[in-house]
Amino acid sequence: MSVLRLIQFTDPHLYGSETETLRGIATLPALKAALADARQSTAWPPDVVLVTGDLVQDDPNGYVHIRRVFGHLGMPVLCIPGNHDDPAVMRRELRVDPFTVGGYRDFDAWRVVLLDSTLPGSASGRLSDRTLAQLEEALSTAEGRHCLVTLHHHPIAMSSRWLDRVGLENAEEFFNVVDRHDNVRAIVWGHVHQAYEGMRKNVRLLATPSTCAQFVPHADEFAVDRRPPAYRTLELQSDGSLLTEVMWVEKRVAGSSHSVSSAA
């Protein structure tokens, strides 16, 4: 394939209940609305679906819905855990086709690297020594492929005082590995519930909004944005360039109750 097409969904925060809400949004209907919007867009069908953490809101029963929503699309579904996931439970619950949790997958000219940045008991993230070694191996054995690196926690400051307290704690170590390799084209994350695009040493930096509620950008204190659910499309070209767009789902799905927590 000359172009690898991905759609990224992140931070759906599902519960076992189909009607449970988080920050005023019924999370499962919001995810379904985002997927329905994607399926009606010109970006469909993608070659790969990417789900970048906080698949559930501390409720392992939510993985049943992940399997139901994404399991029959006819394409690989690549997943990484977030701070509201239990990585071991997530791997067990998604140990079925078409899901891949962690590691990496190759698609012609591209390698997609899936990192676990979760830190037990914390909303912050950290890449363990083992994970950093896995990243080093994934980048050094890519055999000429371009690399898209994914993780849940933001490795750069988002200019938001409260949010930057719960980012990637060892971002310097992470970038030390990335900087040793010239095949990394982009780094993509979730967690921040807002859109961001930047550049660092010729590497695209991309944060994607949640399929449920968003956070107000550049806020000193926790605050929920009124922007609707969203997802990101990515077109990865064989020459290593990429085209990407955040797609906002204008049909907002609101729940009947309002639950607020400052933990991302």
Protein backbone atom coordinates (compact mmCIF):
# COMPACT_ATOMS: atom_id res chain seq x y z
CA MET A 1 0.00 0.00 0.00
CA SER A 2 1.31 3.46 -0.86
CA VAL A 3 -0.66 5.11 1.96
CA LEU A 4 -1.39 3.66 5.41
CA ARG A 5 -4.68 5.07 6.71
CA LEU A 6 -5.36 5.09 10.44
CA ILE A 7 -8.14 6.41 12.62
CA GLN A 8 -7.24 7.13 16.24
CA PHE A 9 -9.83 7.02 19.01
CA THR A 10 -8.67 7.82 22.52
CA ASP A 11 -9.90 8.08 26.10
CA PRO A 12 -13.39 6.58 25.70
CA HIS A 13 -13.54 5.86 29.48
CA LEU A 14 -16.12 3.07 29.20
CA TYR A 15 -17.96 1.40 32.05
CA GLY A 16 -19.70 -1.95 32.23
CA SER A 17 -22.98 -0.02 32.23
CA GLU A 18 -24.06 1.24 28.83
CA THR A 19 -25.50 4.44 30.27
CA GLU A 20 -22.83 5.52 32.79
CA THR A 21 -21.61 9.09 32.39
CA LEU A 22 -18.30 10.86 32.95
CA ARG A 23 -18.16 14.66 33.17
CA GLY A 24 -21.67 14.88 31.79
CA ILE A 25 -21.12 12.55 28.84
CA ALA A 26 -22.55 9.05 28.45
CA THR A 27 -19.29 7.49 27.37
CA LEU A 28 -20.42 4.45 25.37
CA PRO A 29 -22.96 6.34 23.23
CA ALA A 30 -20.30 9.03 22.66
CA LEU A 31 -17.79 6.45 21.42
CA LYS A 32 -20.42 4.89 19.16
CA ALA A 33 -21.26 8.34 17.80
CA ALA A 34 -17.59 9.01 17.04
CA LEU A 35 -17.26 5.68 15.25
CA ALA A 36 -20.48 6.30 13.31
CA ASP A 37 -19.18 9.70 12.26
CA ALA A 38 -15.90 8.14 11.11
CA ARG A 39 -17.75 5.48 9.12
CA GLN A 40 -19.64 8.20 7.24
CA SER A 41 -16.46 10.13 6.40
CA THR A 42 -14.14 9.93 3.42
CA ALA A 43 -11.48 8.48 5.76
CA TRP A 44 -13.41 5.20 6.00
CA PRO A 45 -12.38 2.48 5.79
CA PRO A 46 -8.95 2.89 7.38
CA ASP A 47 -6.32 0.16 7.27
CA VAL A 48 -5.87 0.30 11.04
CA VAL A 49 -7.78 1.54 14.09
CA LEU A 50 -5.67 2.92 16.94
CA VAL A 51 -7.03 3.25 20.50
CA THR A 52 -4.62 5.11 22.76
CA GLY A 53 -5.56 4.48 26.35
CA ASP A 54 -8.18 4.96 29.05
CA LEU A 55 -10.35 2.48 27.22
CA VAL A 56 -12.26 2.06 30.47
CA GLN A 57 -12.89 4.19 33.53
CA ASP A 58 -11.45 1.86 36.19
CA ASP A 59 -14.08 -0.74 35.25
CA PRO A 60 -12.82 -3.92 33.55
CA ASN A 61 -16.35 -4.73 32.43
CA GLY A 62 -15.97 -1.90 29.93
CA TYR A 63 -13.68 -4.04 27.75
CA VAL A 64 -16.72 -6.04 26.69
CA HIS A 65 -17.94 -2.93 24.89
CA ILE A 66 -14.51 -2.37 23.30
CA ARG A 67 -14.73 -5.86 21.82
CA ARG A 68 -18.28 -5.23 20.61
CA VAL A 69 -17.59 -1.78 19.14
CA PHE A 70 -14.29 -2.51 17.40
CA GLY A 71 -14.13 -6.29 17.09
CA HIS A 72 -16.06 -6.70 13.84
CA LEU A 73 -14.72 -3.87 11.71
CA GLY A 74 -12.53 -6.16 9.62
CA MET A 75 -9.23 -4.40 10.37
CA PRO A 76 -6.46 -4.50 12.99
CA VAL A 77 -7.24 -2.64 16.22
CA LEU A 78 -4.06 -1.53 18.00
CA CYS A 79 -4.44 -0.62 21.68
CA ILE A 80 -2.34 0.78 24.52
CA PRO A 81 -3.35 1.22 28.18
CA GLY A 82 -3.94 4.50 29.97
CA ASN A 83 -3.93 5.35 33.66
CA HIS A 84 -7.55 4.21 34.06
CA ASP A 85 -6.78 0.82 32.53
CA ASP A 86 -5.25 -2.17 34.29
CA PRO A 87 -2.70 -3.29 31.69
CA ALA A 88 -2.78 -6.95 32.72
CA VAL A 89 -6.57 -7.08 32.66
CA MET A 90 -6.65 -5.19 29.37
CA ARG A 91 -4.26 -7.66 27.73
CA ARG A 92 -6.34 -10.56 28.99
CA GLU A 93 -9.67 -9.11 27.88
CA LEU A 94 -8.38 -8.11 24.44
CA ARG A 95 -6.36 -11.24 23.72
CA VAL A 96 -8.53 -11.94 20.67
CA ASP A 97 -8.44 -10.96 17.02
CA PRO A 98 -8.36 -8.29 15.70
CA PHE A 99 -6.81 -6.65 18.79
CA THR A 100 -3.13 -6.04 19.49
CA VAL A 101 -2.14 -4.64 22.89
CA GLY A 102 1.40 -3.25 23.09
CA GLY A 103 4.48 -4.24 21.12
CA TYR A 104 4.55 -3.11 17.51
CA ARG A 105 2.98 -3.94 14.16
CA ASP A 106 4.44 -3.53 10.69
CA PHE A 107 2.42 -2.32 7.72
CA ASP A 108 4.56 -2.12 4.57
CA ALA A 109 6.64 1.06 4.87
CA TRP A 110 5.58 1.81 8.45
CA ARG A 111 6.06 0.36 11.94
CA VAL A 112 3.54 1.39 14.60
CA VAL A 113 5.05 1.19 18.10
CA LEU A 114 2.66 0.74 21.05
CA LEU A 115 4.07 1.82 24.44
CA ASP A 116 2.70 1.25 27.93
CA SER A 117 3.24 4.49 29.87
CA THR A 118 1.06 3.58 32.86
CA LEU A 119 2.35 4.01 36.40
CA PRO A 120 0.41 1.91 38.94
CA GLY A 121 -1.67 4.00 41.31
CA SER A 122 -0.93 7.27 39.55
CA ALA A 123 -2.56 9.51 36.95
CA SER A 124 0.96 10.36 35.77
CA GLY A 125 2.88 8.20 33.37
CA ARG A 126 6.33 6.67 33.21
CA LEU A 127 8.10 4.39 30.75
CA SER A 128 9.78 1.56 32.63
CA ASP A 129 13.35 0.54 31.84
CA ARG A 130 11.93 -2.51 30.11
CA THR A 131 9.59 -0.40 27.98
CA LEU A 132 12.41 1.97 27.04
CA ALA A 133 14.45 -1.06 25.98
CA GLN A 134 11.50 -2.31 23.93
CA LEU A 135 11.27 1.09 22.25
CA GLU A 136 15.00 0.98 21.48
CA GLU A 137 14.62 -2.46 19.95
CA ALA A 138 11.53 -1.52 17.95
CA LEU A 139 13.25 1.52 16.43
CA SER A 140 16.59 -0.18 15.79
CA THR A 141 15.08 -3.23 14.05
CA ALA A 142 12.59 -1.38 11.84
CA GLU A 143 14.65 -2.24 8.74
CA GLY A 144 14.09 0.96 6.82
CA ARG A 145 10.49 1.46 7.89
CA HIS A 146 9.18 4.79 9.10
CA CYS A 147 8.00 4.69 12.73
CA LEU A 148 4.89 6.06 14.38
CA VAL A 149 5.32 5.94 18.17
CA THR A 150 2.21 5.91 20.36
CA LEU A 151 1.79 6.30 24.12
CA HIS A 152 -0.98 7.50 26.42
CA HIS A 153 0.73 10.25 28.44
CA HIS A 154 1.98 13.51 26.98
CA PRO A 155 5.80 13.66 26.70
CA ILE A 156 5.85 17.45 26.35
CA ALA A 157 4.38 20.26 28.43
CA MET A 158 0.86 21.24 27.39
CA SER A 159 1.06 24.70 29.04
CA SER A 160 -1.59 23.61 31.52
CA ARG A 161 -0.46 23.68 35.13
CA TRP A 162 -2.71 20.93 36.48
CA LEU A 163 -2.39 18.69 33.43
CA ASP A 164 1.39 18.92 33.28
CA ARG A 165 1.53 17.47 36.78
CA VAL A 166 0.19 14.18 35.35
CA GLY A 167 2.24 13.87 32.17
CA LEU A 168 5.12 11.51 31.33
CA GLU A 169 7.55 11.72 34.25
CA ASN A 170 10.62 10.54 32.34
CA ALA A 171 10.08 12.32 29.04
CA GLU A 172 13.79 13.13 28.80
CA GLU A 173 14.65 9.42 28.83
CA PHE A 174 11.98 8.80 26.22
CA PHE A 175 13.32 11.48 23.89
CA ASN A 176 16.88 10.26 24.42
CA VAL A 177 15.83 6.98 22.79
CA VAL A 178 13.83 8.69 20.05
CA ASP A 179 16.70 11.05 19.24
CA ARG A 180 19.07 8.14 18.59
CA HIS A 181 16.98 7.10 15.59
CA ASP A 182 16.18 9.00 12.44
CA ASN A 183 13.20 6.86 11.47
CA VAL A 184 10.65 8.30 13.91
CA ARG A 185 8.20 10.44 11.96
CA ALA A 186 5.52 11.13 14.56
CA ILE A 187 4.58 10.64 18.20
CA VAL A 188 0.88 10.38 19.03
CA TRP A 189 -0.82 10.40 22.44
CA GLY A 190 -4.12 10.83 24.26
CA HIS A 191 -4.70 11.60 27.97
CA VAL A 192 -4.95 15.37 27.54
CA HIS A 193 -8.50 15.47 26.11
CA GLN A 194 -7.60 18.21 23.63
CA ALA A 195 -5.98 18.67 20.24
CA TYR A 196 -2.32 19.57 19.81
CA GLU A 197 0.06 19.61 16.87
CA GLY A 198 3.71 20.52 17.06
CA MET A 199 7.16 19.61 15.80
CA ARG A 200 10.35 18.53 17.56
CA LYS A 201 13.53 17.74 15.62
CA ASN A 202 11.54 16.93 12.47
CA VAL A 203 9.18 14.63 14.40
CA ARG A 204 5.47 15.48 14.39
CA LEU A 205 3.90 15.69 17.86
CA LEU A 206 0.17 14.97 17.97
CA ALA A 207 -2.34 14.91 20.82
CA THR A 208 -5.90 13.84 20.12
CA PRO A 209 -9.12 14.81 21.91
CA SER A 210 -11.27 12.24 23.68
CA THR A 211 -14.32 10.48 22.33
CA CYS A 212 -16.11 11.87 25.41
CA ALA A 213 -15.48 15.14 27.31
CA GLN A 214 -12.59 17.53 26.61
CA PHE A 215 -10.34 19.63 28.89
CA VAL A 216 -9.91 23.38 28.50
CA PRO A 217 -6.48 24.02 26.91
CA HIS A 218 -3.87 26.09 28.80
CA ALA A 219 -5.88 26.01 32.03
CA ASP A 220 -4.14 26.35 35.40
CA GLU A 221 -6.88 24.38 37.14
CA PHE A 222 -8.97 21.47 35.97
CA ALA A 223 -11.81 22.59 33.71
CA VAL A 224 -14.07 20.76 31.25
CA ASP A 225 -14.27 22.19 27.74
CA ARG A 226 -17.56 22.40 25.87
CA ARG A 227 -16.09 21.02 22.67
CA PRO A 228 -17.69 17.81 21.39
CA PRO A 229 -16.18 14.32 21.13
CA ALA A 230 -13.51 13.83 18.47
CA TYR A 231 -11.10 11.45 16.78
CA ARG A 232 -8.05 11.81 14.51
CA THR A 233 -7.41 10.59 10.98
CA LEU A 234 -3.87 9.89 9.78
CA GLU A 235 -2.57 9.16 6.30
CA LEU A 236 0.98 7.82 6.50
CA GLN A 237 2.76 8.14 3.16
CA SER A 238 5.39 5.73 1.91
CA ASP A 239 7.96 8.57 1.85
CA GLY A 240 7.52 9.12 5.63
CA SER A 241 5.33 12.20 5.42
CA LEU A 242 1.86 12.24 6.90
CA LEU A 243 -1.45 14.04 6.66
CA THR A 244 -3.64 14.28 9.73
CA GLU A 245 -6.83 15.95 10.87
CA VAL A 246 -8.86 16.07 14.07
CA MET A 247 -12.52 15.37 13.36
CA TRP A 248 -15.04 16.85 15.79
CA VAL A 249 -18.33 15.00 16.25
CA GLU A 250 -20.83 17.81 16.27
CA LYS A 251 -23.71 15.62 17.43
CA ARG A 252 -22.74 15.76 21.07
CA VAL A 253 -23.96 12.94 23.29
CA ALA A 254 -24.81 14.22 26.77
CA GLY A 255 -25.65 12.15 29.81
CA SER A 256 -28.30 12.89 32.38
CA SER A 257 -25.89 13.28 35.29
CA HIS A 258 -22.61 15.07 35.81
CA SER A 259 -19.55 13.49 37.36
CA VAL A 260 -16.34 15.47 37.62
CA SER A 261 -12.88 14.31 38.60
CA SER A 262 -9.61 16.12 38.12
CA ALA A 263 -7.70 12.90 37.39
CA ALA A 264 -7.08 12.78 33.65
